[in-house]
Amino acid sequence: MKRARLLLALLVCLAAPLASLAQSIYVAAMRGQVAAGNVMSGLYSINLANGAATFIAPLRTSDGRAVAITGLGVEPTTRVFYGITSTLSPTSPQSLVTLDPHNGNVTVIGHLELAGTDMVFDHAGRLLIWLPDTRQAGVVDVKSGHVTRLGHAGPPDAFGGLAVDAEGQVYVTPSGAYGTLDRIQADGTIVQGPQLKGAPYPGAITAMTFTPSGLLLAINSNVGSPAAAKLVTINTASGIIAEIGSLPEDSDAITYAAPVHEIGDILATMSGRTLALFALIAGLILAVTGMLVVTWIRRR
């Protein structure tokens, strides 16, 4: 009985990392020039341990045309994947779309009144996008594509990533990889934050997302053609950027989604430390199970 209780306790310990630490990170990349015939817009899953990307599917409309996604987000209630397309997308530029993360199928909702560089759903369920032309956040009507500006307009920029933490605080990177990590208040007022430092590339932070553990992930691009990209973390208090690994060229959007349930995908998204803990607990479970089996055989 004691050994059975020990086995049960170990199983609970094993389930905890799987339930709480498995993280699904998705990146959208537009590979190739938009005017070329070899355009390859793709969706990838990301291994947080080293930034390795696994190709899932091309991002295509129902008639097979490539779509360039510049912002990704998951509606928290319905778990539907939404995206905003780039102004340079070969199909439906500057549009609001939904997409299937399993096969990459894209459905166009409608044209966006204003162009955005990243998007995120806040805790109230509002779809926010960053408007670089006026340095403002905007609220998008997911049915019509109408955009309502928040706050006062500022000097234009070309990029900007958006993310919302567990407390509902909205963060933005409006001034490139060596700019600042700012906060956006409910009325749209931008409060300047810490200076960003340590980015692998001096170009831009094109997209951001938080994991449930509070890790702020971002895409750091060199803004080339094609653009090299790195998966990085940003310390929200100090602004220090740390590299995780390289991403596919022209990666331009990133989002966290609900934990996956397939064991292979779960293991692929765990950090090295979590994998070590998982292996230790699994080994203990196997050892205890073996002891129970031997005891049962001997008693027969």
Protein backbone atom coordinates (compact mmCIF):
# COMPACT_ATOMS: atom_id res chain seq x y z
CA MET A 1 0.00 0.00 0.00
CA LYS A 2 2.83 2.42 0.86
CA ARG A 3 4.51 1.77 -2.47
CA ALA A 4 1.24 2.29 -4.30
CA ARG A 5 0.82 5.64 -2.56
CA LEU A 6 4.37 6.57 -3.51
CA LEU A 7 3.66 5.69 -7.13
CA LEU A 8 0.52 7.83 -7.08
CA ALA A 9 2.45 10.76 -5.61
CA LEU A 10 5.10 10.47 -8.31
CA LEU A 11 2.43 10.39 -11.00
CA VAL A 12 0.99 13.63 -9.62
CA CYS A 13 4.47 15.17 -9.69
CA LEU A 14 4.90 14.05 -13.28
CA ALA A 15 1.55 15.50 -14.35
CA ALA A 16 2.28 18.91 -12.87
CA PRO A 17 5.10 19.85 -15.25
CA LEU A 18 3.08 18.56 -18.19
CA ALA A 19 0.05 20.59 -17.26
CA SER A 20 1.70 23.83 -16.21
CA LEU A 21 4.97 24.05 -18.12
CA ALA A 22 4.01 22.84 -21.57
CA GLN A 23 3.83 25.91 -23.74
CA SER A 24 2.72 26.28 -27.33
CA ILE A 25 4.49 29.09 -29.16
CA TYR A 26 3.67 29.85 -32.79
CA VAL A 27 5.57 32.02 -35.25
CA ALA A 28 4.49 33.19 -38.69
CA ALA A 29 7.15 33.88 -41.32
CA MET A 30 6.97 35.28 -44.85
CA ARG A 31 9.84 33.70 -46.74
CA GLY A 32 10.81 35.07 -50.17
CA GLN A 33 9.94 38.35 -51.86
CA VAL A 34 6.26 39.15 -52.14
CA ALA A 35 6.52 39.78 -55.89
CA ALA A 36 8.40 36.55 -56.57
CA GLY A 37 6.97 33.20 -57.53
CA ASN A 38 8.63 31.35 -54.65
CA VAL A 39 6.74 33.09 -51.83
CA MET A 40 6.44 30.73 -48.85
CA SER A 41 4.35 32.07 -46.00
CA GLY A 42 4.50 29.55 -43.16
CA LEU A 43 3.38 28.80 -39.62
CA TYR A 44 5.89 27.26 -37.19
CA SER A 45 5.89 25.84 -33.68
CA ILE A 46 8.82 26.87 -31.48
CA ASN A 47 10.94 24.91 -29.01
CA LEU A 48 11.56 27.26 -26.08
CA ALA A 49 14.69 25.40 -25.04
CA ASN A 50 16.69 26.52 -28.08
CA GLY A 51 14.34 28.47 -30.35
CA ALA A 52 14.22 25.68 -32.95
CA ALA A 53 11.29 26.06 -35.35
CA THR A 54 9.21 23.18 -36.70
CA PHE A 55 7.25 23.88 -39.86
CA ILE A 56 3.51 23.23 -39.46
CA ALA A 57 1.90 24.39 -42.69
CA PRO A 58 1.91 27.12 -45.33
CA LEU A 59 -0.43 30.04 -44.64
CA ARG A 60 -2.88 30.01 -47.55
CA THR A 61 -6.38 31.12 -48.43
CA SER A 62 -8.93 28.58 -49.64
CA ASP A 63 -7.81 29.16 -53.24
CA GLY A 64 -4.16 28.53 -52.37
CA ARG A 65 -2.81 32.08 -52.31
CA ALA A 66 -0.05 32.98 -49.81
CA VAL A 67 -0.83 35.38 -46.97
CA ALA A 68 1.81 37.39 -45.08
CA ILE A 69 0.96 37.60 -41.38
CA THR A 70 2.52 40.43 -39.36
CA GLY A 71 0.59 39.90 -36.10
CA LEU A 72 -0.84 36.83 -34.35
CA GLY A 73 -3.14 36.41 -31.37
CA VAL A 74 -5.52 33.91 -29.79
CA GLU A 75 -8.95 35.03 -28.59
CA PRO A 76 -8.97 33.89 -24.93
CA THR A 77 -12.57 32.61 -24.83
CA THR A 78 -13.02 30.91 -28.19
CA ARG A 79 -9.31 30.00 -28.67
CA VAL A 80 -9.63 31.14 -32.28
CA PHE A 81 -6.37 32.26 -33.94
CA TYR A 82 -6.54 35.76 -35.42
CA GLY A 83 -3.99 37.55 -37.53
CA ILE A 84 -3.35 40.86 -39.24
CA THR A 85 -1.71 40.84 -42.63
CA SER A 86 1.18 42.98 -43.76
CA THR A 87 0.71 45.90 -46.13
CA LEU A 88 3.08 43.94 -48.41
CA SER A 89 1.07 40.70 -48.30
CA PRO A 90 0.57 39.31 -51.83
CA THR A 91 -2.99 38.42 -50.83
CA SER A 92 -5.41 40.58 -48.80
CA PRO A 93 -2.88 43.15 -47.55
CA GLN A 94 -3.75 45.14 -44.41
CA SER A 95 -6.55 42.76 -43.44
CA LEU A 96 -7.94 40.97 -40.41
CA VAL A 97 -7.97 37.17 -40.73
CA THR A 98 -8.49 33.97 -38.79
CA LEU A 99 -6.33 30.91 -39.29
CA ASP A 100 -6.28 27.22 -38.46
CA PRO A 101 -3.05 26.39 -36.55
CA HIS A 102 -3.19 22.75 -37.69
CA ASN A 103 -3.27 23.24 -41.46
CA GLY A 104 -2.54 26.94 -42.00
CA ASN A 105 -5.87 27.68 -43.70
CA VAL A 106 -6.57 31.43 -43.63
CA THR A 107 -10.01 33.06 -43.74
CA VAL A 108 -10.17 36.77 -44.52
CA ILE A 109 -12.59 38.74 -42.32
CA GLY A 110 -12.13 42.12 -43.92
CA HIS A 111 -9.88 45.05 -44.68
CA LEU A 112 -8.37 46.98 -41.77
CA GLU A 113 -8.95 50.72 -41.87
CA LEU A 114 -5.47 51.28 -40.45
CA ALA A 115 -2.27 49.25 -40.84
CA GLY A 116 -0.85 47.51 -37.79
CA THR A 117 2.45 45.79 -37.02
CA ASP A 118 1.38 43.51 -34.16
CA MET A 119 -1.77 42.50 -32.29
CA VAL A 120 -2.91 41.06 -28.99
CA PHE A 121 -6.13 40.35 -27.12
CA ASP A 122 -6.33 42.11 -23.76
CA HIS A 123 -8.06 40.71 -20.67
CA ALA A 124 -11.30 42.40 -21.63
CA GLY A 125 -11.34 40.50 -24.91
CA ARG A 126 -10.52 43.57 -27.02
CA LEU A 127 -8.32 43.10 -30.05
CA LEU A 128 -5.52 45.67 -29.87
CA ILE A 129 -3.13 46.48 -32.70
CA TRP A 130 -0.11 48.77 -32.83
CA LEU A 131 -0.41 51.64 -35.33
CA PRO A 132 3.15 52.69 -36.20
CA ASP A 133 2.12 55.58 -38.48
CA THR A 134 0.72 57.51 -35.52
CA ARG A 135 2.46 55.70 -32.66
CA GLN A 136 -0.82 54.61 -31.07
CA ALA A 137 -2.67 51.50 -30.02
CA GLY A 138 -5.96 50.79 -31.75
CA VAL A 139 -9.00 48.69 -30.88
CA VAL A 140 -10.25 46.53 -33.76
CA ASP A 141 -13.86 45.50 -34.34
CA VAL A 142 -13.38 41.82 -35.20
CA LYS A 143 -16.56 41.81 -37.32
CA SER A 144 -15.91 44.85 -39.49
CA GLY A 145 -12.21 45.69 -39.25
CA HIS A 146 -12.99 49.18 -37.98
CA VAL A 147 -10.12 50.57 -35.88
CA THR A 148 -10.57 53.02 -33.01
CA ARG A 149 -7.40 54.88 -32.04
CA LEU A 150 -6.45 55.16 -28.36
CA GLY A 151 -4.60 58.11 -26.86
CA HIS A 152 -2.77 60.88 -28.66
CA ALA A 153 -0.84 60.54 -31.91
CA GLY A 154 2.95 60.60 -31.82
CA PRO A 155 5.88 60.58 -34.26
CA PRO A 156 5.68 57.74 -36.81
CA ASP A 157 7.83 54.62 -36.78
CA ALA A 158 7.97 51.48 -38.90
CA PHE A 159 7.64 48.74 -36.28
CA GLY A 160 6.30 47.86 -32.86
CA GLY A 161 5.45 44.70 -30.92
CA LEU A 162 2.52 44.33 -28.48
CA ALA A 163 2.00 41.96 -25.52
CA VAL A 164 -0.25 41.69 -22.45
CA ASP A 165 0.98 40.19 -19.18
CA ALA A 166 -0.98 38.16 -16.61
CA GLU A 167 -2.07 41.33 -14.79
CA GLY A 168 -3.45 42.89 -17.96
CA GLN A 169 -0.61 45.35 -18.50
CA VAL A 170 -0.01 46.12 -22.18
CA TYR A 171 3.59 46.49 -23.34
CA VAL A 172 4.90 47.94 -26.61
CA THR A 173 8.28 48.39 -28.32
CA PRO A 174 7.69 51.50 -30.46
CA SER A 175 11.27 52.56 -31.11
CA GLY A 176 13.25 49.58 -32.39
CA ALA A 177 15.51 47.09 -30.68
CA TYR A 178 17.52 49.81 -28.93
CA GLY A 179 14.49 51.90 -27.97
CA THR A 180 12.37 51.41 -24.85
CA LEU A 181 9.88 48.86 -23.53
CA ASP A 182 6.87 51.06 -22.83
CA ARG A 183 3.51 50.48 -21.14
CA ILE A 184 0.13 51.45 -22.58
CA GLN A 185 -2.51 52.60 -20.11
CA ALA A 186 -6.23 51.91 -20.53
CA ASP A 187 -6.83 55.30 -22.17
CA GLY A 188 -4.01 54.77 -24.64
CA THR A 189 -1.42 56.91 -22.84
CA ILE A 190 2.08 55.57 -23.39
CA VAL A 191 4.36 55.48 -20.35
CA GLN A 192 8.04 55.19 -21.18
CA GLY A 193 9.77 52.16 -19.73
CA PRO A 194 13.33 50.83 -19.47
CA GLN A 195 15.87 51.15 -22.26
CA LEU A 196 16.25 47.98 -24.30
CA LYS A 197 19.78 46.60 -24.36
CA GLY A 198 21.57 43.48 -25.56
CA ALA A 199 19.55 42.77 -28.71
CA PRO A 200 21.39 40.54 -31.22
CA TYR A 201 20.25 42.85 -34.04
CA PRO A 202 19.94 46.65 -33.83
CA GLY A 203 16.92 46.63 -36.15
CA ALA A 204 13.51 46.07 -34.56
CA ILE A 205 11.38 44.15 -32.11
CA THR A 206 8.61 43.20 -34.52
CA ALA A 207 6.36 41.10 -32.26
CA MET A 208 5.98 39.97 -28.64
CA THR A 209 4.00 37.54 -26.49
CA PHE A 210 3.89 36.48 -22.84
CA THR A 211 3.85 32.91 -21.58
CA PRO A 212 1.72 32.04 -18.52
CA SER A 213 4.91 31.90 -16.45
CA GLY A 214 5.51 35.59 -17.18
CA LEU A 215 8.26 35.18 -19.77
CA LEU A 216 8.18 37.94 -22.38
CA LEU A 217 9.18 36.49 -25.75
CA ALA A 218 9.93 38.63 -28.79
CA ILE A 219 11.15 38.54 -32.37
CA ASN A 220 14.29 40.60 -32.97
CA SER A 221 14.74 41.33 -36.69
CA ASN A 222 17.65 42.87 -38.57
CA VAL A 223 15.08 44.32 -41.00
CA GLY A 224 17.00 42.96 -43.99
CA SER A 225 15.69 41.48 -47.21
CA PRO A 226 15.31 38.68 -46.39
CA ALA A 227 15.28 39.55 -42.69
CA ALA A 228 17.26 37.46 -40.22
CA ALA A 229 15.34 36.95 -36.98
CA LYS A 230 16.12 35.84 -33.44
CA LEU A 231 13.84 34.58 -30.69
CA VAL A 232 14.67 36.59 -27.57
CA THR A 233 13.39 37.26 -24.07
CA ILE A 234 12.95 40.75 -22.63
CA ASN A 235 13.22 41.54 -18.92
CA THR A 236 10.29 43.88 -18.28
CA ALA A 237 12.02 45.55 -15.32
CA SER A 238 15.51 46.12 -16.76
CA GLY A 239 14.95 45.98 -20.53
CA ILE A 240 17.74 43.43 -20.89
CA ILE A 241 17.33 41.22 -23.97
CA ALA A 242 18.63 37.63 -24.05
CA GLU A 243 18.85 35.45 -27.14
CA ILE A 244 17.23 32.00 -27.24
CA GLY A 245 17.93 31.02 -30.84
CA SER A 246 17.48 31.75 -34.53
CA LEU A 247 14.08 31.82 -36.22
CA PRO A 248 13.19 31.28 -39.90
CA GLU A 249 14.00 34.24 -42.13
CA ASP A 250 11.32 36.94 -42.24
CA SER A 251 9.65 35.76 -39.03
CA ASP A 252 7.28 38.60 -38.19
CA ALA A 253 4.59 37.39 -35.77
CA ILE A 254 4.51 35.36 -32.55
CA THR A 255 1.86 34.21 -30.10
CA TYR A 256 1.35 31.89 -27.16
CA ALA A 257 -1.55 29.45 -27.36
CA ALA A 258 -3.19 27.07 -24.90
CA PRO A 259 -1.06 24.09 -23.78
CA VAL A 260 -0.97 21.16 -26.17
CA HIS A 261 -1.82 17.65 -25.06
CA GLU A 262 0.29 15.45 -27.34
CA ILE A 263 3.30 14.18 -25.38
CA GLY A 264 5.72 14.80 -28.25
CA ASP A 265 4.66 18.42 -28.60
CA ILE A 266 4.76 18.92 -24.84
CA LEU A 267 8.32 17.64 -24.60
CA ALA A 268 9.35 19.78 -27.57
CA THR A 269 8.24 22.99 -25.85
CA MET A 270 9.86 22.30 -22.47
CA SER A 271 13.06 23.97 -21.34
CA GLY A 272 16.16 21.90 -20.61
CA ARG A 273 15.63 22.13 -16.85
CA THR A 274 12.01 21.01 -17.14
CA LEU A 275 13.02 18.08 -19.35
CA ALA A 276 15.58 17.02 -16.73
CA LEU A 277 12.91 17.13 -14.01
CA PHE A 278 10.52 15.19 -16.21
CA ALA A 279 13.17 12.52 -16.89
CA LEU A 280 13.98 12.20 -13.17
CA ILE A 281 10.34 11.76 -12.15
CA ALA A 282 9.69 9.35 -15.02
CA GLY A 283 12.71 7.28 -13.96
CA LEU A 284 11.48 7.13 -10.37
CA ILE A 285 8.04 6.03 -11.53
CA LEU A 286 9.52 3.25 -13.65
CA ALA A 287 11.68 2.08 -10.73
CA VAL A 288 8.78 2.02 -8.28
CA THR A 289 6.53 0.31 -10.84
CA GLY A 290 9.17 -2.36 -11.34
CA MET A 291 9.41 -2.95 -7.60
CA LEU A 292 5.64 -3.31 -7.33
CA VAL A 293 5.54 -5.80 -10.19
CA VAL A 294 8.35 -7.91 -8.65
CA THR A 295 6.60 -7.91 -5.27
CA TRP A 296 3.31 -8.95 -6.86
CA ILE A 297 4.97 -11.82 -8.74
CA ARG A 298 6.70 -13.10 -5.61
CA ARG A 299 3.46 -13.14 -3.65
CA ARG A 300 1.65 -15.25 -6.23
